[in-house]
């Protein structure tokens, strides 16, 4: 059974190598992020984001949006990169990225009424 699972994983990685690589890069990027190794996290997020990993696109967008203010001098604030990654994530359906883009464009970035708690007047 265990050998069959390994074979299936290897076969899937051969058919979908970018997805397998993107997932592995994302795990490493998250580990680097959790240990405050932000420059390493950005480096590892890029291939995952390029591979279509939504979470990596969101993170990369926000890391470039805030840059040194939150992530130290090794992560540059780059609004163009932030916009690029947030637009890709928003196009894939990320409401978080959509709100980030609104903020980047100087628009109110409040959550939709259907997402958050209901108002007290109801």
C-alpha atoms as a PDB file:
ATOM      1  CA  UNK A   1       0.000   0.000   0.000  1.00  0.00           C
ATOM      2  CA  UNK A   2       2.759   2.423   0.978  1.00  0.00           C
ATOM      3  CA  UNK A   3       4.672   1.645  -2.227  1.00  0.00           C
ATOM      4  CA  UNK A   4       1.521   2.285  -4.271  1.00  0.00           C
ATOM      5  CA  UNK A   5       1.081   5.724  -2.634  1.00  0.00           C
ATOM      6  CA  UNK A   6       4.700   6.616  -3.369  1.00  0.00           C
ATOM      7  CA  UNK A   7       4.281   5.488  -6.974  1.00  0.00           C
ATOM      8  CA  UNK A   8       1.116   7.556  -7.332  1.00  0.00           C
ATOM      9  CA  UNK A   9       2.876  10.610  -5.921  1.00  0.00           C
ATOM     10  CA  UNK A  10       5.830  10.147  -8.292  1.00  0.00           C
ATOM     11  CA  UNK A  11       3.469   9.652 -11.229  1.00  0.00           C
ATOM     12  CA  UNK A  12       1.525  12.783 -10.289  1.00  0.00           C
ATOM     13  CA  UNK A  13       4.772  14.745  -9.946  1.00  0.00           C
ATOM     14  CA  UNK A  14       5.772  13.614 -13.428  1.00  0.00           C
ATOM     15  CA  UNK A  15       2.426  14.662 -14.874  1.00  0.00           C
ATOM     16  CA  UNK A  16       2.170  17.863 -12.831  1.00  0.00           C
ATOM     17  CA  UNK A  17       5.797  18.792 -12.023  1.00  0.00           C
ATOM     18  CA  UNK A  18       5.121  22.512 -11.662  1.00  0.00           C
ATOM     19  CA  UNK A  19       2.346  21.916  -9.146  1.00  0.00           C
ATOM     20  CA  UNK A  20       4.479  19.545  -7.083  1.00  0.00           C
ATOM     21  CA  UNK A  21       7.408  21.956  -7.148  1.00  0.00           C
ATOM     22  CA  UNK A  22       5.187  24.932  -6.307  1.00  0.00           C
ATOM     23  CA  UNK A  23       3.726  23.121  -3.301  1.00  0.00           C
ATOM     24  CA  UNK A  24       7.185  22.162  -2.023  1.00  0.00           C
ATOM     25  CA  UNK A  25       8.488  25.698  -2.489  1.00  0.00           C
ATOM     26  CA  UNK A  26       5.482  27.074  -0.631  1.00  0.00           C
ATOM     27  CA  UNK A  27       6.125  24.826   2.361  1.00  0.00           C
ATOM     28  CA  UNK A  28       9.774  25.920   2.495  1.00  0.00           C
ATOM     29  CA  UNK A  29       8.756  29.577   2.071  1.00  0.00           C
ATOM     30  CA  UNK A  30       6.271  29.311   4.933  1.00  0.00           C
ATOM     31  CA  UNK A  31       8.923  27.771   7.170  1.00  0.00           C
ATOM     32  CA  UNK A  32      11.345  30.600   6.332  1.00  0.00           C
ATOM     33  CA  UNK A  33       8.591  33.171   6.977  1.00  0.00           C
ATOM     34  CA  UNK A  34       7.718  31.653  10.355  1.00  0.00           C
ATOM     35  CA  UNK A  35      11.399  31.904  11.351  1.00  0.00           C
ATOM     36  CA  UNK A  36      11.541  35.574  10.238  1.00  0.00           C
ATOM     37  CA  UNK A  37      13.830  34.769   7.275  1.00  0.00           C
ATOM     38  CA  UNK A  38      11.838  37.068   5.030  1.00  0.00           C
ATOM     39  CA  UNK A  39      14.331  37.477   2.168  1.00  0.00           C
ATOM     40  CA  UNK A  40      14.562  33.685   1.890  1.00  0.00           C
ATOM     41  CA  UNK A  41      10.780  33.452   2.027  1.00  0.00           C
ATOM     42  CA  UNK A  42      10.440  35.901  -0.898  1.00  0.00           C
ATOM     43  CA  UNK A  43      13.008  33.920  -2.890  1.00  0.00           C
ATOM     44  CA  UNK A  44      11.100  30.689  -2.281  1.00  0.00           C
ATOM     45  CA  UNK A  45       7.659  32.200  -2.827  1.00  0.00           C
ATOM     46  CA  UNK A  46       8.449  33.377  -6.350  1.00  0.00           C
ATOM     47  CA  UNK A  47       8.534  29.915  -8.050  1.00  0.00           C
ATOM     48  CA  UNK A  48       5.410  28.858  -6.174  1.00  0.00           C
ATOM     49  CA  UNK A  49       3.618  32.063  -7.204  1.00  0.00           C
ATOM     50  CA  UNK A  50       4.773  31.645 -10.798  1.00  0.00           C
ATOM     51  CA  UNK A  51       3.432  28.087 -10.637  1.00  0.00           C
ATOM     52  CA  UNK A  52      -0.017  29.465  -9.827  1.00  0.00           C
ATOM     53  CA  UNK A  53      -0.048  28.902  -6.070  1.00  0.00           C
ATOM     54  CA  UNK A  54      -2.649  31.407  -4.846  1.00  0.00           C
ATOM     55  CA  UNK A  55      -1.331  31.685  -1.306  1.00  0.00           C
ATOM     56  CA  UNK A  56       2.191  32.380  -2.590  1.00  0.00           C
ATOM     57  CA  UNK A  57       0.857  35.113  -4.895  1.00  0.00           C
ATOM     58  CA  UNK A  58      -0.980  36.758  -2.001  1.00  0.00           C
ATOM     59  CA  UNK A  59       2.014  36.603   0.311  1.00  0.00           C
ATOM     60  CA  UNK A  60       4.446  37.869  -2.296  1.00  0.00           C
ATOM     61  CA  UNK A  61       2.091  40.730  -3.118  1.00  0.00           C
ATOM     62  CA  UNK A  62       1.738  41.818   0.485  1.00  0.00           C
ATOM     63  CA  UNK A  63       5.419  41.365   1.295  1.00  0.00           C
ATOM     64  CA  UNK A  64       6.304  43.722  -1.559  1.00  0.00           C
ATOM     65  CA  UNK A  65       3.468  46.062  -0.576  1.00  0.00           C
ATOM     66  CA  UNK A  66       4.793  46.569   2.963  1.00  0.00           C
ATOM     67  CA  UNK A  67       8.490  45.809   2.400  1.00  0.00           C
ATOM     68  CA  UNK A  68      10.891  47.052   5.101  1.00  0.00           C
ATOM     69  CA  UNK A  69       8.060  48.356   7.285  1.00  0.00           C
ATOM     70  CA  UNK A  70       7.200  44.777   8.248  1.00  0.00           C
ATOM     71  CA  UNK A  71       9.909  42.556   6.769  1.00  0.00           C
ATOM     72  CA  UNK A  72      13.199  44.365   7.227  1.00  0.00           C
ATOM     73  CA  UNK A  73      15.541  45.989   4.759  1.00  0.00           C
ATOM     74  CA  UNK A  74      16.122  42.772   2.803  1.00  0.00           C
ATOM     75  CA  UNK A  75      12.553  42.860   1.425  1.00  0.00           C
ATOM     76  CA  UNK A  76      12.139  45.940  -0.750  1.00  0.00           C
ATOM     77  CA  UNK A  77       8.862  47.816  -0.940  1.00  0.00           C
ATOM     78  CA  UNK A  78       7.932  47.442  -4.591  1.00  0.00           C
ATOM     79  CA  UNK A  79       4.409  48.619  -5.454  1.00  0.00           C
ATOM     80  CA  UNK A  80       4.717  47.334  -9.035  1.00  0.00           C
ATOM     81  CA  UNK A  81       5.574  43.816  -7.871  1.00  0.00           C
ATOM     82  CA  UNK A  82       2.869  44.056  -5.208  1.00  0.00           C
ATOM     83  CA  UNK A  83       0.303  45.026  -7.840  1.00  0.00           C
ATOM     84  CA  UNK A  84       1.448  42.276 -10.218  1.00  0.00           C
ATOM     85  CA  UNK A  85       1.093  39.468  -7.653  1.00  0.00           C
ATOM     86  CA  UNK A  86      -2.073  40.813  -6.058  1.00  0.00           C
ATOM     87  CA  UNK A  87      -3.713  41.149  -9.492  1.00  0.00           C
ATOM     88  CA  UNK A  88      -2.841  37.528 -10.304  1.00  0.00           C
ATOM     89  CA  UNK A  89      -4.236  36.354  -6.976  1.00  0.00           C
ATOM     90  CA  UNK A  90      -7.366  38.500  -7.327  1.00  0.00           C
ATOM     91  CA  UNK A  91      -7.944  37.136 -10.837  1.00  0.00           C
ATOM     92  CA  UNK A  92      -7.827  33.643  -9.316  1.00  0.00           C
ATOM     93  CA  UNK A  93     -10.543  34.610  -6.836  1.00  0.00           C
ATOM     94  CA  UNK A  94      -8.680  35.894  -3.776  1.00  0.00           C
ATOM     95  CA  UNK A  95     -10.806  38.389  -1.845  1.00  0.00           C
ATOM     96  CA  UNK A  96      -7.761  39.191   0.313  1.00  0.00           C
ATOM     97  CA  UNK A  97      -5.796  40.220  -2.781  1.00  0.00           C
ATOM     98  CA  UNK A  98      -8.773  42.231  -4.062  1.00  0.00           C
ATOM     99  CA  UNK A  99      -8.831  44.225  -0.808  1.00  0.00           C
ATOM    100  CA  UNK A 100      -5.049  44.701  -1.032  1.00  0.00           C
ATOM    101  CA  UNK A 101      -5.422  46.097  -4.540  1.00  0.00           C
ATOM    102  CA  UNK A 102      -8.135  48.494  -3.365  1.00  0.00           C
ATOM    103  CA  UNK A 103      -5.835  49.749  -0.634  1.00  0.00           C
ATOM    104  CA  UNK A 104      -2.972  50.059  -3.131  1.00  0.00           C
ATOM    105  CA  UNK A 105      -5.262  52.111  -5.388  1.00  0.00           C
ATOM    106  CA  UNK A 106      -6.278  54.408  -2.526  1.00  0.00           C
ATOM    107  CA  UNK A 107      -9.800  53.012  -2.286  1.00  0.00           C
ATOM    108  CA  UNK A 108     -11.549  51.853   0.871  1.00  0.00           C
ATOM    109  CA  UNK A 109     -10.534  48.245   1.400  1.00  0.00           C
ATOM    110  CA  UNK A 110     -13.273  47.157   3.782  1.00  0.00           C
ATOM    111  CA  UNK A 111     -14.528  43.616   3.518  1.00  0.00           C
ATOM    112  CA  UNK A 112     -17.801  43.034   1.724  1.00  0.00           C
ATOM    113  CA  UNK A 113     -20.820  43.023   4.004  1.00  0.00           C
ATOM    114  CA  UNK A 114     -21.459  39.382   3.149  1.00  0.00           C
ATOM    115  CA  UNK A 115     -18.041  38.334   4.432  1.00  0.00           C
ATOM    116  CA  UNK A 116     -17.835  39.851   7.907  1.00  0.00           C
ATOM    117  CA  UNK A 117     -20.167  39.830  10.868  1.00  0.00           C
ATOM    118  CA  UNK A 118     -23.594  41.343  10.353  1.00  0.00           C
ATOM    119  CA  UNK A 119     -24.122  44.932  11.450  1.00  0.00           C
ATOM    120  CA  UNK A 120     -25.770  45.536  14.837  1.00  0.00           C
ATOM    121  CA  UNK A 121     -28.734  47.291  13.257  1.00  0.00           C
ATOM    122  CA  UNK A 122     -30.059  44.052  11.764  1.00  0.00           C
END
